[in-house]
Amino acid sequence: MGAWNRWAVEVAADGRGRLHPVAHLTLRDLDWLDEQLAALAAGGIRLAMIAPALVDGRPLSHPDVDRAWAAFIEHDVAPVFHVANQQRPFDEAWYASDPEPTNPVLSSVFLWVPAALAISDLVVNGVLERRPELRLGVIELSAVWLPMFLMYLDGGVRFVTRLHGKAVADMPLAPSEYVRRQVRVAAFAYERPERLIQRVGDLFMCCSDFPHSEGTAQPLDDYRALDDTTSDPAMAPALYRDNAAWLLGRGNGA
């Protein structure tokens, strides 16, 4: 990871503001994490991939992990969740019949679940309430799940509060509002981002996975082919520019 991160800093320097490499980090060693974040920030890196998974058996909201979120904020680097061979959210027995252990079928079907689970943990257990400066990105894990997820996130907290008198953490805002405030999700063109925006708000970023073989060869053409307002970048600045700029810590369109 350290070697990749050093290379990412070199790429960013060569790109002169046009290239934005993503670092790779683990939360298992917080001293190492802080050192890496300091070096990445000094080199202009603003995004770092982490696993939406337990950290040595502890959820991301665990007090022992809280120092990590403080470090991301201090160094102005946004953690992002992405496709990776990482600890899976379901029991390993569910994956026993998969033909390829490093890319199991069930993980593809439930591609979005680890990120949704991680975000739920950070919201329900108060991390995003305590850390309003923390920015989170969800990249290439699909986007069509977000409307249903936000509905169940709010509904689940309301149900538990009504049943037991309070939720896990004090949240002045509705749980979904923390997601709207602090999370942005990449949406492929075939997911019809205009419909997602209508349902939950302008939380999405255009996505392609180019140049991977499973990505789309002409991503902008895919968006332009949509018969809606998001086919025109001028009509959808958040989708094409502002949300990515926000995730990079540049504000809207900076």
C-alpha atoms as a PDB file:
ATOM      1  CA  MET A   1       0.000   0.000   0.000  1.00  0.00           C
ATOM      2  CA  GLY A   2       2.803   2.389   0.863  1.00  0.00           C
ATOM      3  CA  ALA A   3       4.455   1.819  -2.531  1.00  0.00           C
ATOM      4  CA  TRP A   4       1.163   2.429  -4.338  1.00  0.00           C
ATOM      5  CA  ASN A   5       0.594   5.612  -2.360  1.00  0.00           C
ATOM      6  CA  ARG A   6       4.053   6.947  -3.179  1.00  0.00           C
ATOM      7  CA  TRP A   7       3.360   6.272  -6.860  1.00  0.00           C
ATOM      8  CA  ALA A   8      -0.024   8.014  -6.573  1.00  0.00           C
ATOM      9  CA  VAL A   9       1.736  11.149  -5.332  1.00  0.00           C
ATOM     10  CA  GLU A  10       4.052  11.010  -8.361  1.00  0.00           C
ATOM     11  CA  VAL A  11       1.109  10.623 -10.719  1.00  0.00           C
ATOM     12  CA  ALA A  12      -0.681  13.576  -9.122  1.00  0.00           C
ATOM     13  CA  ALA A  13       2.416  15.714  -9.558  1.00  0.00           C
ATOM     14  CA  ASP A  14       2.782  14.678 -13.203  1.00  0.00           C
ATOM     15  CA  GLY A  15      -0.914  15.422 -13.787  1.00  0.00           C
ATOM     16  CA  ARG A  16      -0.590  19.038 -12.585  1.00  0.00           C
ATOM     17  CA  GLY A  17      -4.124  19.152 -11.201  1.00  0.00           C
ATOM     18  CA  ARG A  18      -5.778  17.081 -13.955  1.00  0.00           C
ATOM     19  CA  LEU A  19      -5.201  13.611 -12.454  1.00  0.00           C
ATOM     20  CA  HIS A  20      -6.590  12.515  -9.091  1.00  0.00           C
ATOM     21  CA  PRO A  21      -5.147   9.150  -8.052  1.00  0.00           C
ATOM     22  CA  VAL A  22      -6.800   7.281  -5.201  1.00  0.00           C
ATOM     23  CA  ALA A  23      -4.632   5.999  -2.354  1.00  0.00           C
ATOM     24  CA  HIS A  24      -5.111   2.632  -0.646  1.00  0.00           C
ATOM     25  CA  LEU A  25      -5.239   2.490   3.150  1.00  0.00           C
ATOM     26  CA  THR A  26      -5.984   0.110   5.996  1.00  0.00           C
ATOM     27  CA  LEU A  27      -7.432   1.128   9.361  1.00  0.00           C
ATOM     28  CA  ARG A  28      -5.676  -1.684  11.233  1.00  0.00           C
ATOM     29  CA  ASP A  29      -2.606   0.414  12.134  1.00  0.00           C
ATOM     30  CA  LEU A  30      -3.655   3.953  13.060  1.00  0.00           C
ATOM     31  CA  ASP A  31      -0.114   5.293  13.519  1.00  0.00           C
ATOM     32  CA  TRP A  32       0.735   4.117   9.988  1.00  0.00           C
ATOM     33  CA  LEU A  33      -2.565   5.523   8.747  1.00  0.00           C
ATOM     34  CA  ASP A  34      -1.812   8.970  10.126  1.00  0.00           C
ATOM     35  CA  GLU A  35       1.663   8.970   8.579  1.00  0.00           C
ATOM     36  CA  GLN A  36       0.279   7.904   5.222  1.00  0.00           C
ATOM     37  CA  LEU A  37      -2.469  10.525   5.288  1.00  0.00           C
ATOM     38  CA  ALA A  38       0.043  13.272   6.109  1.00  0.00           C
ATOM     39  CA  ALA A  39       2.239  12.261   3.153  1.00  0.00           C
ATOM     40  CA  LEU A  40      -0.753  11.900   0.822  1.00  0.00           C
ATOM     41  CA  ALA A  41      -2.159  15.278   1.779  1.00  0.00           C
ATOM     42  CA  ALA A  42       1.232  16.911   1.229  1.00  0.00           C
ATOM     43  CA  GLY A  43       1.302  15.317  -2.225  1.00  0.00           C
ATOM     44  CA  GLY A  44      -2.157  16.557  -3.178  1.00  0.00           C
ATOM     45  CA  ILE A  45      -4.018  13.238  -2.851  1.00  0.00           C
ATOM     46  CA  ARG A  46      -7.590  13.787  -1.687  1.00  0.00           C
ATOM     47  CA  LEU A  47      -9.187  10.318  -1.957  1.00  0.00           C
ATOM     48  CA  ALA A  48      -8.217   7.029  -0.304  1.00  0.00           C
ATOM     49  CA  MET A  49      -9.853   3.645  -0.708  1.00  0.00           C
ATOM     50  CA  ILE A  50     -10.664   1.735   2.486  1.00  0.00           C
ATOM     51  CA  ALA A  51     -12.619  -1.465   3.049  1.00  0.00           C
ATOM     52  CA  PRO A  52     -16.272  -1.200   4.141  1.00  0.00           C
ATOM     53  CA  ALA A  53     -15.602  -4.035   6.557  1.00  0.00           C
ATOM     54  CA  LEU A  54     -14.806  -4.846  10.157  1.00  0.00           C
ATOM     55  CA  VAL A  55     -11.402  -3.723  11.438  1.00  0.00           C
ATOM     56  CA  ASP A  56      -9.970  -6.696  13.325  1.00  0.00           C
ATOM     57  CA  GLY A  57     -13.481  -7.640  14.353  1.00  0.00           C
ATOM     58  CA  ARG A  58     -14.575  -4.109  15.245  1.00  0.00           C
ATOM     59  CA  PRO A  59     -17.191  -2.080  13.334  1.00  0.00           C
ATOM     60  CA  LEU A  60     -16.144   1.191  11.737  1.00  0.00           C
ATOM     61  CA  SER A  61     -18.018   3.092  14.473  1.00  0.00           C
ATOM     62  CA  HIS A  62     -16.015   1.474  17.286  1.00  0.00           C
ATOM     63  CA  PRO A  63     -14.300   3.991  19.606  1.00  0.00           C
ATOM     64  CA  ASP A  64     -10.912   2.420  18.813  1.00  0.00           C
ATOM     65  CA  VAL A  65     -11.408   3.369  15.154  1.00  0.00           C
ATOM     66  CA  ASP A  66     -12.586   6.920  15.807  1.00  0.00           C
ATOM     67  CA  ARG A  67      -9.047   8.266  15.566  1.00  0.00           C
ATOM     68  CA  ALA A  68      -9.050   7.212  11.902  1.00  0.00           C
ATOM     69  CA  TRP A  69     -11.981   9.501  11.072  1.00  0.00           C
ATOM     70  CA  ALA A  70     -10.288  12.377  12.900  1.00  0.00           C
ATOM     71  CA  ALA A  71      -7.169  11.787  10.794  1.00  0.00           C
ATOM     72  CA  PHE A  72      -9.089  11.781   7.515  1.00  0.00           C
ATOM     73  CA  ILE A  73     -10.653  15.105   8.463  1.00  0.00           C
ATOM     74  CA  GLU A  74      -7.393  16.636   9.704  1.00  0.00           C
ATOM     75  CA  HIS A  75      -5.601  15.813   6.454  1.00  0.00           C
ATOM     76  CA  ASP A  76      -8.618  16.618   4.245  1.00  0.00           C
ATOM     77  CA  VAL A  77      -8.643  13.209   2.568  1.00  0.00           C
ATOM     78  CA  ALA A  78     -11.990  11.533   1.839  1.00  0.00           C
ATOM     79  CA  PRO A  79     -12.307   7.758   2.319  1.00  0.00           C
ATOM     80  CA  VAL A  80     -14.066   5.921  -0.495  1.00  0.00           C
ATOM     81  CA  PHE A  81     -15.581   2.451  -0.735  1.00  0.00           C
ATOM     82  CA  HIS A  82     -14.888   0.539  -3.948  1.00  0.00           C
ATOM     83  CA  VAL A  83     -14.826  -2.971  -5.382  1.00  0.00           C
ATOM     84  CA  ALA A  84     -12.126  -5.043  -3.676  1.00  0.00           C
ATOM     85  CA  ASN A  85     -11.277  -8.508  -2.434  1.00  0.00           C
ATOM     86  CA  GLN A  86     -12.039  -7.752   1.201  1.00  0.00           C
ATOM     87  CA  GLN A  87     -13.790  -9.285   4.165  1.00  0.00           C
ATOM     88  CA  ARG A  88     -17.321 -10.134   3.067  1.00  0.00           C
ATOM     89  CA  PRO A  89     -20.456  -9.230   5.034  1.00  0.00           C
ATOM     90  CA  PHE A  90     -22.028 -12.699   4.942  1.00  0.00           C
ATOM     91  CA  ASP A  91     -20.835 -16.023   6.329  1.00  0.00           C
ATOM     92  CA  GLU A  92     -18.194 -17.664   4.132  1.00  0.00           C
ATOM     93  CA  ALA A  93     -20.409 -20.738   3.731  1.00  0.00           C
ATOM     94  CA  TRP A  94     -22.640 -18.730   1.378  1.00  0.00           C
ATOM     95  CA  TYR A  95     -19.750 -18.431  -1.083  1.00  0.00           C
ATOM     96  CA  ALA A  96     -18.640 -22.074  -1.044  1.00  0.00           C
ATOM     97  CA  SER A  97     -20.048 -22.900  -4.498  1.00  0.00           C
ATOM     98  CA  ASP A  98     -18.562 -19.882  -6.270  1.00  0.00           C
ATOM     99  CA  PRO A  99     -16.240 -20.971  -9.103  1.00  0.00           C
ATOM    100  CA  GLU A 100     -13.757 -18.134  -8.554  1.00  0.00           C
ATOM    101  CA  PRO A 101     -12.903 -17.392  -4.903  1.00  0.00           C
ATOM    102  CA  THR A 102     -11.409 -13.967  -5.637  1.00  0.00           C
ATOM    103  CA  ASN A 103     -14.514 -12.759  -7.492  1.00  0.00           C
ATOM    104  CA  PRO A 104     -17.492 -14.681  -6.105  1.00  0.00           C
ATOM    105  CA  VAL A 105     -20.864 -14.567  -7.767  1.00  0.00           C
ATOM    106  CA  LEU A 106     -22.715 -13.630  -4.595  1.00  0.00           C
ATOM    107  CA  SER A 107     -20.409 -10.689  -3.977  1.00  0.00           C
ATOM    108  CA  SER A 108     -21.317  -9.408  -7.432  1.00  0.00           C
ATOM    109  CA  VAL A 109     -25.045  -9.827  -6.788  1.00  0.00           C
ATOM    110  CA  PHE A 110     -24.746  -8.035  -3.443  1.00  0.00           C
ATOM    111  CA  LEU A 111     -22.052  -5.618  -4.573  1.00  0.00           C
ATOM    112  CA  TRP A 112     -23.576  -2.687  -2.720  1.00  0.00           C
ATOM    113  CA  VAL A 113     -24.217  -4.402   0.636  1.00  0.00           C
ATOM    114  CA  PRO A 114     -20.809  -3.814   2.320  1.00  0.00           C
ATOM    115  CA  ALA A 115     -20.970  -0.071   1.606  1.00  0.00           C
ATOM    116  CA  ALA A 116     -24.598   0.171   2.753  1.00  0.00           C
ATOM    117  CA  LEU A 117     -23.787  -1.709   5.946  1.00  0.00           C
ATOM    118  CA  ALA A 118     -20.749   0.475   6.649  1.00  0.00           C
ATOM    119  CA  ILE A 119     -22.700   3.696   6.062  1.00  0.00           C
ATOM    120  CA  SER A 120     -25.524   2.445   8.293  1.00  0.00           C
ATOM    121  CA  ASP A 121     -23.030   1.765  11.075  1.00  0.00           C
ATOM    122  CA  LEU A 122     -21.455   5.216  10.757  1.00  0.00           C
ATOM    123  CA  VAL A 123     -24.861   6.919  10.779  1.00  0.00           C
ATOM    124  CA  VAL A 124     -26.724   4.925  13.414  1.00  0.00           C
ATOM    125  CA  ASN A 125     -23.822   4.885  15.851  1.00  0.00           C
ATOM    126  CA  GLY A 126     -23.261   8.624  15.586  1.00  0.00           C
ATOM    127  CA  VAL A 127     -19.961   8.956  13.716  1.00  0.00           C
ATOM    128  CA  LEU A 128     -21.371  11.252  11.025  1.00  0.00           C
ATOM    129  CA  GLU A 129     -23.154  13.319  13.678  1.00  0.00           C
ATOM    130  CA  ARG A 130     -19.882  13.789  15.594  1.00  0.00           C
ATOM    131  CA  ARG A 131     -17.805  14.228  12.442  1.00  0.00           C
ATOM    132  CA  PRO A 132     -19.771  16.502  10.084  1.00  0.00           C
ATOM    133  CA  GLU A 133     -16.606  17.351   8.120  1.00  0.00           C
ATOM    134  CA  LEU A 134     -16.095  13.725   7.065  1.00  0.00           C
ATOM    135  CA  ARG A 135     -16.778  13.126   3.360  1.00  0.00           C
ATOM    136  CA  LEU A 136     -17.476   9.615   2.035  1.00  0.00           C
ATOM    137  CA  GLY A 137     -17.586   8.278  -1.518  1.00  0.00           C
ATOM    138  CA  VAL A 138     -19.107   5.078  -2.909  1.00  0.00           C
ATOM    139  CA  ILE A 139     -17.504   4.188  -6.240  1.00  0.00           C
ATOM    140  CA  GLU A 140     -18.552   1.528  -8.769  1.00  0.00           C
ATOM    141  CA  LEU A 141     -20.787  -0.283  -6.299  1.00  0.00           C
ATOM    142  CA  SER A 142     -23.969   0.679  -8.181  1.00  0.00           C
ATOM    143  CA  ALA A 143     -26.441   3.383  -7.110  1.00  0.00           C
ATOM    144  CA  VAL A 144     -29.949   2.019  -7.622  1.00  0.00           C
ATOM    145  CA  TRP A 145     -29.995   0.706  -4.049  1.00  0.00           C
ATOM    146  CA  LEU A 146     -29.714   4.166  -2.473  1.00  0.00           C
ATOM    147  CA  PRO A 147     -33.418   5.189  -2.473  1.00  0.00           C
ATOM    148  CA  MET A 148     -34.521   1.947  -0.809  1.00  0.00           C
ATOM    149  CA  PHE A 149     -31.589   2.096   1.594  1.00  0.00           C
ATOM    150  CA  LEU A 150     -32.433   5.627   2.762  1.00  0.00           C
ATOM    151  CA  MET A 151     -36.079   4.662   3.256  1.00  0.00           C
ATOM    152  CA  TYR A 152     -35.144   1.670   5.402  1.00  0.00           C
ATOM    153  CA  LEU A 153     -32.477   3.628   7.277  1.00  0.00           C
ATOM    154  CA  ASP A 154     -35.019   6.229   8.384  1.00  0.00           C
ATOM    155  CA  GLY A 155     -37.725   3.648   8.958  1.00  0.00           C
ATOM    156  CA  GLY A 156     -35.525   1.358  11.012  1.00  0.00           C
ATOM    157  CA  VAL A 157     -34.404   4.152  13.322  1.00  0.00           C
ATOM    158  CA  ARG A 158     -37.991   5.380  13.726  1.00  0.00           C
ATOM    159  CA  PHE A 159     -39.154   1.865  14.574  1.00  0.00           C
ATOM    160  CA  VAL A 160     -36.448   1.270  17.190  1.00  0.00           C
ATOM    161  CA  THR A 161     -37.008   4.718  18.710  1.00  0.00           C
ATOM    162  CA  ARG A 162     -40.754   4.113  18.980  1.00  0.00           C
ATOM    163  CA  LEU A 163     -40.203   0.636  20.438  1.00  0.00           C
ATOM    164  CA  HIS A 164     -37.422   1.434  22.910  1.00  0.00           C
ATOM    165  CA  GLY A 165     -37.674   5.181  23.418  1.00  0.00           C
ATOM    166  CA  LYS A 166     -34.407   6.103  21.734  1.00  0.00           C
ATOM    167  CA  ALA A 167     -32.085   5.118  18.914  1.00  0.00           C
ATOM    168  CA  VAL A 168     -28.497   3.959  19.416  1.00  0.00           C
ATOM    169  CA  ALA A 169     -27.036   7.468  19.168  1.00  0.00           C
ATOM    170  CA  ASP A 170     -28.466  10.962  19.494  1.00  0.00           C
ATOM    171  CA  MET A 171     -29.219  12.243  16.001  1.00  0.00           C
ATOM    172  CA  PRO A 172     -30.772  15.708  15.619  1.00  0.00           C
ATOM    173  CA  LEU A 173     -31.199  14.993  11.916  1.00  0.00           C
ATOM    174  CA  ALA A 174     -33.053  12.177  10.207  1.00  0.00           C
ATOM    175  CA  PRO A 175     -30.564   9.364   9.455  1.00  0.00           C
ATOM    176  CA  SER A 176     -30.947   9.864   5.698  1.00  0.00           C
ATOM    177  CA  GLU A 177     -29.955  13.516   6.064  1.00  0.00           C
ATOM    178  CA  TYR A 178     -26.489  12.508   7.253  1.00  0.00           C
ATOM    179  CA  VAL A 179     -26.080  10.496   4.064  1.00  0.00           C
ATOM    180  CA  ARG A 180     -27.286  13.424   1.950  1.00  0.00           C
ATOM    181  CA  ARG A 181     -24.884  15.726   3.783  1.00  0.00           C
ATOM    182  CA  GLN A 182     -21.767  13.550   3.761  1.00  0.00           C
ATOM    183  CA  VAL A 183     -21.965  10.785   1.122  1.00  0.00           C
ATOM    184  CA  ARG A 184     -21.796  10.803  -2.682  1.00  0.00           C
ATOM    185  CA  VAL A 185     -22.437   7.735  -4.858  1.00  0.00           C
ATOM    186  CA  ALA A 186     -21.265   6.982  -8.399  1.00  0.00           C
ATOM    187  CA  ALA A 187     -24.088   6.002 -10.800  1.00  0.00           C
ATOM    188  CA  PHE A 188     -23.707   4.323 -14.184  1.00  0.00           C
ATOM    189  CA  ALA A 189     -25.749   5.727 -17.057  1.00  0.00           C
ATOM    190  CA  TYR A 190     -27.851   2.556 -17.314  1.00  0.00           C
ATOM    191  CA  GLU A 191     -29.041   3.142 -13.740  1.00  0.00           C
ATOM    192  CA  ARG A 192     -30.978   6.187 -15.000  1.00  0.00           C
ATOM    193  CA  PRO A 193     -29.495   8.774 -12.623  1.00  0.00           C
ATOM    194  CA  GLU A 194     -32.273  11.293 -13.321  1.00  0.00           C
ATOM    195  CA  ARG A 195     -34.762   8.951 -11.664  1.00  0.00           C
ATOM    196  CA  LEU A 196     -32.477   8.472  -8.673  1.00  0.00           C
ATOM    197  CA  ILE A 197     -32.013  12.223  -8.324  1.00  0.00           C
ATOM    198  CA  GLN A 198     -35.778  12.736  -8.403  1.00  0.00           C
ATOM    199  CA  ARG A 199     -36.226  10.241  -5.576  1.00  0.00           C
ATOM    200  CA  VAL A 200     -33.429  11.152  -3.136  1.00  0.00           C
ATOM    201  CA  GLY A 201     -31.704  14.315  -4.353  1.00  0.00           C
ATOM    202  CA  ASP A 202     -28.536  15.269  -6.204  1.00  0.00           C
ATOM    203  CA  LEU A 203     -26.149  12.796  -4.541  1.00  0.00           C
ATOM    204  CA  PHE A 204     -24.719  11.076  -7.608  1.00  0.00           C
ATOM    205  CA  MET A 205     -21.580  11.201  -9.737  1.00  0.00           C
ATOM    206  CA  CYS A 206     -21.176   9.953 -13.312  1.00  0.00           C
ATOM    207  CA  CYS A 207     -19.306   6.659 -13.521  1.00  0.00           C
ATOM    208  CA  SER A 208     -17.711   4.489 -16.201  1.00  0.00           C
ATOM    209  CA  ASP A 209     -15.043   2.060 -14.876  1.00  0.00           C
ATOM    210  CA  PHE A 210     -13.093   2.930 -18.045  1.00  0.00           C
ATOM    211  CA  PRO A 211     -10.688   1.463 -19.191  1.00  0.00           C
ATOM    212  CA  HIS A 212     -11.524  -1.854 -17.521  1.00  0.00           C
ATOM    213  CA  SER A 213     -13.045  -4.459 -19.829  1.00  0.00           C
ATOM    214  CA  GLU A 214     -16.211  -4.662 -17.743  1.00  0.00           C
ATOM    215  CA  GLY A 215     -16.656  -0.897 -17.909  1.00  0.00           C
ATOM    216  CA  THR A 216     -18.225   1.191 -20.655  1.00  0.00           C
ATOM    217  CA  ALA A 217     -16.074   2.186 -23.633  1.00  0.00           C
ATOM    218  CA  GLN A 218     -17.763   5.557 -24.264  1.00  0.00           C
ATOM    219  CA  PRO A 219     -19.121   6.676 -20.898  1.00  0.00           C
ATOM    220  CA  LEU A 220     -20.043  10.233 -21.849  1.00  0.00           C
ATOM    221  CA  ASP A 221     -21.872   8.982 -24.923  1.00  0.00           C
ATOM    222  CA  ASP A 222     -23.846   6.630 -22.666  1.00  0.00           C
ATOM    223  CA  TYR A 223     -25.019   9.571 -20.571  1.00  0.00           C
ATOM    224  CA  ARG A 224     -25.696  11.737 -23.619  1.00  0.00           C
ATOM    225  CA  ALA A 225     -27.924   8.995 -25.036  1.00  0.00           C
ATOM    226  CA  LEU A 226     -30.305   9.283 -22.089  1.00  0.00           C
ATOM    227  CA  ASP A 227     -33.550  11.024 -22.954  1.00  0.00           C
ATOM    228  CA  ASP A 228     -33.583  13.289 -19.922  1.00  0.00           C
ATOM    229  CA  THR A 229     -31.939  16.361 -18.396  1.00  0.00           C
ATOM    230  CA  THR A 230     -28.905  14.411 -17.180  1.00  0.00           C
ATOM    231  CA  SER A 231     -27.880  13.811 -20.807  1.00  0.00           C
ATOM    232  CA  ASP A 232     -26.660  17.425 -20.873  1.00  0.00           C
ATOM    233  CA  PRO A 233     -23.739  18.217 -18.538  1.00  0.00           C
ATOM    234  CA  ALA A 234     -24.842  21.855 -18.410  1.00  0.00           C
ATOM    235  CA  MET A 235     -28.199  20.749 -16.987  1.00  0.00           C
ATOM    236  CA  ALA A 236     -26.688  18.348 -14.430  1.00  0.00           C
ATOM    237  CA  PRO A 237     -23.581  20.033 -12.988  1.00  0.00           C
ATOM    238  CA  ALA A 238     -23.639  18.000  -9.774  1.00  0.00           C
ATOM    239  CA  LEU A 239     -23.651  14.679 -11.632  1.00  0.00           C
ATOM    240  CA  TYR A 240     -20.792  15.605 -13.956  1.00  0.00           C
ATOM    241  CA  ARG A 241     -18.707  17.944 -11.801  1.00  0.00           C
ATOM    242  CA  ASP A 242     -19.851  19.406  -8.494  1.00  0.00           C
ATOM    243  CA  ASN A 243     -20.272  16.236  -6.443  1.00  0.00           C
ATOM    244  CA  ALA A 244     -16.852  14.925  -7.477  1.00  0.00           C
ATOM    245  CA  ALA A 245     -15.369  18.346  -6.704  1.00  0.00           C
ATOM    246  CA  TRP A 246     -17.032  18.252  -3.282  1.00  0.00           C
ATOM    247  CA  LEU A 247     -15.646  14.764  -2.608  1.00  0.00           C
ATOM    248  CA  LEU A 248     -12.173  16.036  -3.547  1.00  0.00           C
ATOM    249  CA  GLY A 249     -12.562  18.857  -1.037  1.00  0.00           C
ATOM    250  CA  ARG A 250     -12.876  21.551  -3.675  1.00  0.00           C
ATOM    251  CA  GLY A 251     -16.382  22.688  -2.913  1.00  0.00           C
ATOM    252  CA  ASN A 252     -18.984  22.907  -5.676  1.00  0.00           C
ATOM    253  CA  GLY A 253     -17.306  23.194  -9.030  1.00  0.00           C
ATOM    254  CA  ALA A 254     -14.085  24.683  -7.650  1.00  0.00           C
END
